[in-house]
Amino acid sequence: MLFGNGNLLQWLVSTAALFAALSFHEFSHAAAATALGDDTAKNAGRLTLNPLAHLDLTGTILLLTIGFGWGKPVPYNPYNLRGQKWGPVMVGAAGPASNVLLALLSGIAVKILLATGTSMDSTLIFFLVSLLSVNVMLFVFNLIPIPPLDGSKFLLAALDGPQYDRTRFNLVTRGPIYLLILILADSFLFQGAIFGSLYHFAFSTVLGIFGLN
């Protein structure tokens, strides 16, 4: 439903849903780091829901034009976190967890509105379904265990010990390249079947939970 074949109003509403989800995702990273004892993100002005603090210009333009982009990474100092091993994992997990929360709240809101007689074709319902959709998309994508995505934090924590130093170094330094290769391969070799299947399965599951499919 996100960025579908709708009119300009629907495109604007979908974009607003995307910005809201991205902002809450990045804010949650900052909030988790702050709660764990590191004020780097807070001092950088990232402990806010203001989209302007979290949107990267180039990443936003690409996201709105080709459907793939990024926000500004939330800075934090892992050495300031309580729990040197699992602190970064908790900061990383806060982003996808926020997407799950927003998706569930969106689904609940849709059910309540439909039960009170709001039309499925209303702009508010479209916004909420778009918000649910983009949060599912962000959740699925960010679980990929390749740096710099959030899922990599757990993998790097699991690869603890000097015997994994080389592997960790390769993942951290070459992760973005591996991720780009994976995205391009999925787009051109599999016509989006890998990410698309994961997203549609997750999205259909959430819709099924609320009886919206």
C-alpha atoms as a PDB file:
ATOM      1  CA  MET A   1       0.000   0.000   0.000  1.00  0.00           C
ATOM      2  CA  LEU A   2       2.932   2.304   0.692  1.00  0.00           C
ATOM      3  CA  PHE A   3       3.731   4.560  -2.277  1.00  0.00           C
ATOM      4  CA  GLY A   4       1.175   2.809  -4.381  1.00  0.00           C
ATOM      5  CA  ASN A   5      -0.704   4.032  -7.456  1.00  0.00           C
ATOM      6  CA  GLY A   6      -2.781   6.511  -5.521  1.00  0.00           C
ATOM      7  CA  ASN A   7      -3.158  10.260  -5.930  1.00  0.00           C
ATOM      8  CA  LEU A   8      -0.945  13.037  -4.608  1.00  0.00           C
ATOM      9  CA  LEU A   9      -2.769  13.123  -1.262  1.00  0.00           C
ATOM     10  CA  GLN A  10      -2.141   9.411  -0.744  1.00  0.00           C
ATOM     11  CA  TRP A  11       1.530   9.860  -1.642  1.00  0.00           C
ATOM     12  CA  LEU A  12       1.837  12.682   0.889  1.00  0.00           C
ATOM     13  CA  VAL A  13       0.088  10.634   3.565  1.00  0.00           C
ATOM     14  CA  SER A  14       2.359   7.648   2.875  1.00  0.00           C
ATOM     15  CA  THR A  15       5.399   9.910   3.065  1.00  0.00           C
ATOM     16  CA  ALA A  16       4.215  11.287   6.404  1.00  0.00           C
ATOM     17  CA  ALA A  17       3.830   7.718   7.679  1.00  0.00           C
ATOM     18  CA  LEU A  18       7.351   6.889   6.507  1.00  0.00           C
ATOM     19  CA  PHE A  19       8.874   9.936   8.206  1.00  0.00           C
ATOM     20  CA  ALA A  20       6.985   9.172  11.424  1.00  0.00           C
ATOM     21  CA  ALA A  21       8.223   5.566  11.469  1.00  0.00           C
ATOM     22  CA  LEU A  22      11.827   6.504  10.690  1.00  0.00           C
ATOM     23  CA  SER A  23      11.842   9.239  13.317  1.00  0.00           C
ATOM     24  CA  PHE A  24      10.453   6.973  16.033  1.00  0.00           C
ATOM     25  CA  HIS A  25      12.922   4.244  15.037  1.00  0.00           C
ATOM     26  CA  GLU A  26      15.943   6.540  15.369  1.00  0.00           C
ATOM     27  CA  PHE A  27      14.569   8.240  18.500  1.00  0.00           C
ATOM     28  CA  SER A  28      14.276   4.808  20.097  1.00  0.00           C
ATOM     29  CA  HIS A  29      17.958   4.114  19.435  1.00  0.00           C
ATOM     30  CA  ALA A  30      18.835   7.424  21.082  1.00  0.00           C
ATOM     31  CA  ALA A  31      16.511   6.785  24.029  1.00  0.00           C
ATOM     32  CA  ALA A  32      17.978   3.323  24.621  1.00  0.00           C
ATOM     33  CA  ALA A  33      21.559   4.630  24.536  1.00  0.00           C
ATOM     34  CA  THR A  34      20.637   7.426  26.940  1.00  0.00           C
ATOM     35  CA  ALA A  35      18.886   5.001  29.311  1.00  0.00           C
ATOM     36  CA  LEU A  36      22.002   2.803  29.281  1.00  0.00           C
ATOM     37  CA  GLY A  37      24.245   5.668  30.366  1.00  0.00           C
ATOM     38  CA  ASP A  38      25.559   7.266  27.160  1.00  0.00           C
ATOM     39  CA  ASP A  39      24.578  10.874  26.389  1.00  0.00           C
ATOM     40  CA  THR A  40      26.223  11.056  22.948  1.00  0.00           C
ATOM     41  CA  ALA A  41      22.947  10.871  21.017  1.00  0.00           C
ATOM     42  CA  LYS A  42      21.222  13.233  23.444  1.00  0.00           C
ATOM     43  CA  ASN A  43      24.008  15.807  23.120  1.00  0.00           C
ATOM     44  CA  ALA A  44      23.834  15.475  19.339  1.00  0.00           C
ATOM     45  CA  GLY A  45      20.166  16.450  19.379  1.00  0.00           C
ATOM     46  CA  ARG A  46      18.884  13.009  18.421  1.00  0.00           C
ATOM     47  CA  LEU A  47      16.714  12.408  21.481  1.00  0.00           C
ATOM     48  CA  THR A  48      13.725  13.892  19.653  1.00  0.00           C
ATOM     49  CA  LEU A  49      10.841  12.827  17.430  1.00  0.00           C
ATOM     50  CA  ASN A  50      11.497  15.741  15.050  1.00  0.00           C
ATOM     51  CA  PRO A  51      12.049  14.146  11.607  1.00  0.00           C
ATOM     52  CA  LEU A  52      14.506  16.885  10.628  1.00  0.00           C
ATOM     53  CA  ALA A  53      16.942  15.564  13.246  1.00  0.00           C
ATOM     54  CA  HIS A  54      16.909  12.058  11.787  1.00  0.00           C
ATOM     55  CA  LEU A  55      16.512  12.371   8.005  1.00  0.00           C
ATOM     56  CA  ASP A  56      19.556  12.200   5.763  1.00  0.00           C
ATOM     57  CA  LEU A  57      19.115  14.387   2.648  1.00  0.00           C
ATOM     58  CA  THR A  58      20.566  11.929   0.143  1.00  0.00           C
ATOM     59  CA  GLY A  59      18.987   8.913   1.822  1.00  0.00           C
ATOM     60  CA  THR A  60      15.584  10.601   1.895  1.00  0.00           C
ATOM     61  CA  ILE A  61      15.694  11.605  -1.776  1.00  0.00           C
ATOM     62  CA  LEU A  62      16.629   8.056  -2.792  1.00  0.00           C
ATOM     63  CA  LEU A  63      13.958   6.590  -0.533  1.00  0.00           C
ATOM     64  CA  LEU A  64      11.251   8.744  -2.100  1.00  0.00           C
ATOM     65  CA  THR A  65      12.418   8.171  -5.677  1.00  0.00           C
ATOM     66  CA  ILE A  66      13.682   4.594  -5.913  1.00  0.00           C
ATOM     67  CA  GLY A  67      12.263   3.108  -2.716  1.00  0.00           C
ATOM     68  CA  PHE A  68      15.578   2.494  -0.964  1.00  0.00           C
ATOM     69  CA  GLY A  69      17.336   4.961   1.326  1.00  0.00           C
ATOM     70  CA  TRP A  70      18.416   5.609   4.875  1.00  0.00           C
ATOM     71  CA  GLY A  71      18.274   7.979   7.825  1.00  0.00           C
ATOM     72  CA  LYS A  72      21.113   9.436   9.868  1.00  0.00           C
ATOM     73  CA  PRO A  73      22.760   6.788  12.063  1.00  0.00           C
ATOM     74  CA  VAL A  74      22.341   7.550  15.756  1.00  0.00           C
ATOM     75  CA  PRO A  75      25.766   8.165  17.344  1.00  0.00           C
ATOM     76  CA  TYR A  76      26.626   6.504  20.622  1.00  0.00           C
ATOM     77  CA  ASN A  77      29.734   5.476  22.519  1.00  0.00           C
ATOM     78  CA  PRO A  78      29.571   1.746  23.318  1.00  0.00           C
ATOM     79  CA  TYR A  79      32.196   2.186  26.060  1.00  0.00           C
ATOM     80  CA  ASN A  80      29.777   4.404  27.992  1.00  0.00           C
ATOM     81  CA  LEU A  81      26.980   1.843  27.963  1.00  0.00           C
ATOM     82  CA  ARG A  82      26.159  -0.283  30.949  1.00  0.00           C
ATOM     83  CA  GLY A  83      26.967  -3.783  29.796  1.00  0.00           C
ATOM     84  CA  GLN A  84      29.844  -3.649  27.351  1.00  0.00           C
ATOM     85  CA  LYS A  85      28.814  -6.793  25.477  1.00  0.00           C
ATOM     86  CA  TRP A  86      25.041  -6.540  25.303  1.00  0.00           C
ATOM     87  CA  GLY A  87      24.603  -2.762  25.591  1.00  0.00           C
ATOM     88  CA  PRO A  88      25.041  -2.210  21.836  1.00  0.00           C
ATOM     89  CA  VAL A  89      22.620  -5.076  21.170  1.00  0.00           C
ATOM     90  CA  MET A  90      19.980  -3.374  23.301  1.00  0.00           C
ATOM     91  CA  VAL A  91      20.536  -0.052  21.532  1.00  0.00           C
ATOM     92  CA  GLY A  92      20.274  -1.788  18.174  1.00  0.00           C
ATOM     93  CA  ALA A  93      17.166  -3.762  19.175  1.00  0.00           C
ATOM     94  CA  ALA A  94      15.358  -0.597  20.260  1.00  0.00           C
ATOM     95  CA  GLY A  95      14.817   0.428  16.628  1.00  0.00           C
ATOM     96  CA  PRO A  96      13.046  -2.727  15.390  1.00  0.00           C
ATOM     97  CA  ALA A  97      11.181  -2.957  18.717  1.00  0.00           C
ATOM     98  CA  SER A  98       9.802   0.538  18.103  1.00  0.00           C
ATOM     99  CA  ASN A  99       8.583  -0.583  14.675  1.00  0.00           C
ATOM    100  CA  VAL A 100       6.752  -3.546  16.222  1.00  0.00           C
ATOM    101  CA  LEU A 101       5.123  -1.213  18.758  1.00  0.00           C
ATOM    102  CA  LEU A 102       3.991   1.297  16.119  1.00  0.00           C
ATOM    103  CA  ALA A 103       2.706  -1.462  13.844  1.00  0.00           C
ATOM    104  CA  LEU A 104       0.626  -2.949  16.673  1.00  0.00           C
ATOM    105  CA  LEU A 105      -0.714   0.454  17.739  1.00  0.00           C
ATOM    106  CA  SER A 106      -1.615   1.242  14.130  1.00  0.00           C
ATOM    107  CA  GLY A 107      -3.484  -2.041  13.776  1.00  0.00           C
ATOM    108  CA  ILE A 108      -5.377  -1.468  17.021  1.00  0.00           C
ATOM    109  CA  ALA A 109      -6.303   2.069  15.926  1.00  0.00           C
ATOM    110  CA  VAL A 110      -7.595   0.788  12.572  1.00  0.00           C
ATOM    111  CA  LYS A 111      -9.756  -1.845  14.297  1.00  0.00           C
ATOM    112  CA  ILE A 112     -11.207   0.746  16.677  1.00  0.00           C
ATOM    113  CA  LEU A 113     -11.945   3.219  13.878  1.00  0.00           C
ATOM    114  CA  LEU A 114     -13.591   0.587  11.698  1.00  0.00           C
ATOM    115  CA  ALA A 115     -15.684  -0.574  14.658  1.00  0.00           C
ATOM    116  CA  THR A 116     -16.930   2.995  15.168  1.00  0.00           C
ATOM    117  CA  GLY A 117     -18.007   3.329  11.545  1.00  0.00           C
ATOM    118  CA  THR A 118     -15.020   5.041   9.931  1.00  0.00           C
ATOM    119  CA  SER A 119     -14.802   4.219   6.237  1.00  0.00           C
ATOM    120  CA  MET A 120     -11.937   1.980   5.073  1.00  0.00           C
ATOM    121  CA  ASP A 121     -11.391   4.562   2.311  1.00  0.00           C
ATOM    122  CA  SER A 122     -10.798   7.444   4.730  1.00  0.00           C
ATOM    123  CA  THR A 123      -7.500   9.316   4.757  1.00  0.00           C
ATOM    124  CA  LEU A 124      -6.961   8.484   8.422  1.00  0.00           C
ATOM    125  CA  ILE A 125      -7.328   4.754   7.791  1.00  0.00           C
ATOM    126  CA  PHE A 126      -4.984   5.031   4.809  1.00  0.00           C
ATOM    127  CA  PHE A 127      -2.400   6.771   7.003  1.00  0.00           C
ATOM    128  CA  LEU A 128      -2.647   4.135   9.722  1.00  0.00           C
ATOM    129  CA  VAL A 129      -2.369   1.220   7.280  1.00  0.00           C
ATOM    130  CA  SER A 130       0.577   2.960   5.617  1.00  0.00           C
ATOM    131  CA  LEU A 131       2.154   3.417   9.048  1.00  0.00           C
ATOM    132  CA  LEU A 132       1.615  -0.263   9.796  1.00  0.00           C
ATOM    133  CA  SER A 133       3.090  -1.230   6.420  1.00  0.00           C
ATOM    134  CA  VAL A 134       6.238   0.877   6.661  1.00  0.00           C
ATOM    135  CA  ASN A 135       6.915  -0.254  10.223  1.00  0.00           C
ATOM    136  CA  VAL A 136       6.724  -3.886   9.149  1.00  0.00           C
ATOM    137  CA  MET A 137       9.081  -3.071   6.275  1.00  0.00           C
ATOM    138  CA  LEU A 138      11.590  -1.346   8.563  1.00  0.00           C
ATOM    139  CA  PHE A 139      11.390  -4.174  11.095  1.00  0.00           C
ATOM    140  CA  VAL A 140      12.086  -6.884   8.519  1.00  0.00           C
ATOM    141  CA  PHE A 141      14.876  -4.995   6.765  1.00  0.00           C
ATOM    142  CA  ASN A 142      16.691  -3.962   9.930  1.00  0.00           C
ATOM    143  CA  LEU A 143      16.810  -7.526  11.248  1.00  0.00           C
ATOM    144  CA  ILE A 144      19.272  -8.469   8.506  1.00  0.00           C
ATOM    145  CA  PRO A 145      22.503  -9.296  10.421  1.00  0.00           C
ATOM    146  CA  ILE A 146      24.797  -7.233   8.207  1.00  0.00           C
ATOM    147  CA  PRO A 147      26.372  -3.953   9.396  1.00  0.00           C
ATOM    148  CA  PRO A 148      25.254  -1.244   9.640  1.00  0.00           C
ATOM    149  CA  LEU A 149      21.760  -2.700  10.124  1.00  0.00           C
ATOM    150  CA  ASP A 150      20.426  -3.318  13.623  1.00  0.00           C
ATOM    151  CA  GLY A 151      20.466  -7.087  13.318  1.00  0.00           C
ATOM    152  CA  SER A 152      24.245  -7.019  13.038  1.00  0.00           C
ATOM    153  CA  LYS A 153      24.586  -5.895  16.660  1.00  0.00           C
ATOM    154  CA  PHE A 154      23.495  -9.295  17.929  1.00  0.00           C
ATOM    155  CA  LEU A 155      25.742 -11.119  15.468  1.00  0.00           C
ATOM    156  CA  LEU A 156      28.778  -9.044  16.445  1.00  0.00           C
ATOM    157  CA  ALA A 157      28.064  -9.627  20.146  1.00  0.00           C
ATOM    158  CA  ALA A 158      27.773 -13.368  19.508  1.00  0.00           C
ATOM    159  CA  LEU A 159      31.126 -13.367  17.700  1.00  0.00           C
ATOM    160  CA  ASP A 160      32.907 -12.607  20.941  1.00  0.00           C
ATOM    161  CA  GLY A 161      36.497 -13.629  21.523  1.00  0.00           C
ATOM    162  CA  PRO A 162      39.841 -13.111  19.799  1.00  0.00           C
ATOM    163  CA  GLN A 163      39.277 -16.021  17.415  1.00  0.00           C
ATOM    164  CA  TYR A 164      36.553 -13.953  15.718  1.00  0.00           C
ATOM    165  CA  ASP A 165      38.519 -10.694  15.446  1.00  0.00           C
ATOM    166  CA  ARG A 166      39.120 -11.067  11.715  1.00  0.00           C
ATOM    167  CA  THR A 167      35.482 -11.941  11.038  1.00  0.00           C
ATOM    168  CA  ARG A 168      34.257  -9.002  13.083  1.00  0.00           C
ATOM    169  CA  PHE A 169      36.659  -6.644  11.322  1.00  0.00           C
ATOM    170  CA  ASN A 170      35.506  -7.824   7.906  1.00  0.00           C
ATOM    171  CA  LEU A 171      31.847  -7.451   8.864  1.00  0.00           C
ATOM    172  CA  VAL A 172      32.271  -3.964  10.286  1.00  0.00           C
ATOM    173  CA  THR A 173      34.465  -2.609   7.472  1.00  0.00           C
ATOM    174  CA  ARG A 174      32.848  -4.393   4.525  1.00  0.00           C
ATOM    175  CA  GLY A 175      29.301  -4.813   5.795  1.00  0.00           C
ATOM    176  CA  PRO A 176      27.839  -1.940   3.741  1.00  0.00           C
ATOM    177  CA  ILE A 177      29.366  -3.451   0.592  1.00  0.00           C
ATOM    178  CA  TYR A 178      27.915  -6.885   1.406  1.00  0.00           C
ATOM    179  CA  LEU A 179      24.538  -5.280   2.053  1.00  0.00           C
ATOM    180  CA  LEU A 180      24.606  -3.373  -1.229  1.00  0.00           C
ATOM    181  CA  ILE A 181      25.490  -6.557  -3.120  1.00  0.00           C
ATOM    182  CA  LEU A 182      22.605  -8.379  -1.436  1.00  0.00           C
ATOM    183  CA  ILE A 183      20.146  -5.607  -2.315  1.00  0.00           C
ATOM    184  CA  LEU A 184      21.317  -5.424  -5.935  1.00  0.00           C
ATOM    185  CA  ALA A 185      21.237  -9.197  -6.287  1.00  0.00           C
ATOM    186  CA  ASP A 186      17.710  -9.326  -4.917  1.00  0.00           C
ATOM    187  CA  SER A 187      16.600  -6.488  -7.201  1.00  0.00           C
ATOM    188  CA  PHE A 188      18.159  -7.634 -10.477  1.00  0.00           C
ATOM    189  CA  LEU A 189      18.553 -11.393 -10.133  1.00  0.00           C
ATOM    190  CA  PHE A 190      15.478 -12.278  -8.097  1.00  0.00           C
ATOM    191  CA  GLN A 191      13.181  -9.315  -8.975  1.00  0.00           C
ATOM    192  CA  GLY A 192      12.816  -8.471  -5.291  1.00  0.00           C
ATOM    193  CA  ALA A 193      11.638 -11.955  -4.373  1.00  0.00           C
ATOM    194  CA  ILE A 194      13.823 -12.291  -1.263  1.00  0.00           C
ATOM    195  CA  PHE A 195      12.965  -9.081   0.576  1.00  0.00           C
ATOM    196  CA  GLY A 196       9.512  -8.961  -0.990  1.00  0.00           C
ATOM    197  CA  SER A 197       8.578 -12.419   0.269  1.00  0.00           C
ATOM    198  CA  LEU A 198       9.810 -11.669   3.782  1.00  0.00           C
ATOM    199  CA  TYR A 199       7.926  -8.361   3.865  1.00  0.00           C
ATOM    200  CA  HIS A 200       4.679  -9.745   2.472  1.00  0.00           C
ATOM    201  CA  PHE A 201       4.760 -12.676   4.893  1.00  0.00           C
ATOM    202  CA  ALA A 202       5.295 -10.343   7.873  1.00  0.00           C
ATOM    203  CA  PHE A 203       2.716  -7.821   6.620  1.00  0.00           C
ATOM    204  CA  SER A 204       0.099 -10.498   5.946  1.00  0.00           C
ATOM    205  CA  THR A 205       0.744 -11.994   9.387  1.00  0.00           C
ATOM    206  CA  VAL A 206       0.157  -8.657  11.101  1.00  0.00           C
ATOM    207  CA  LEU A 207      -2.982  -7.991   9.051  1.00  0.00           C
ATOM    208  CA  GLY A 208      -4.215 -11.455   9.977  1.00  0.00           C
ATOM    209  CA  ILE A 209      -3.713 -10.743  13.666  1.00  0.00           C
ATOM    210  CA  PHE A 210      -6.138  -7.819  13.379  1.00  0.00           C
ATOM    211  CA  GLY A 211      -8.464  -9.507  10.864  1.00  0.00           C
ATOM    212  CA  LEU A 212      -7.664  -6.928   8.173  1.00  0.00           C
ATOM    213  CA  ASN A 213      -6.511  -9.205   5.369  1.00  0.00           C
END
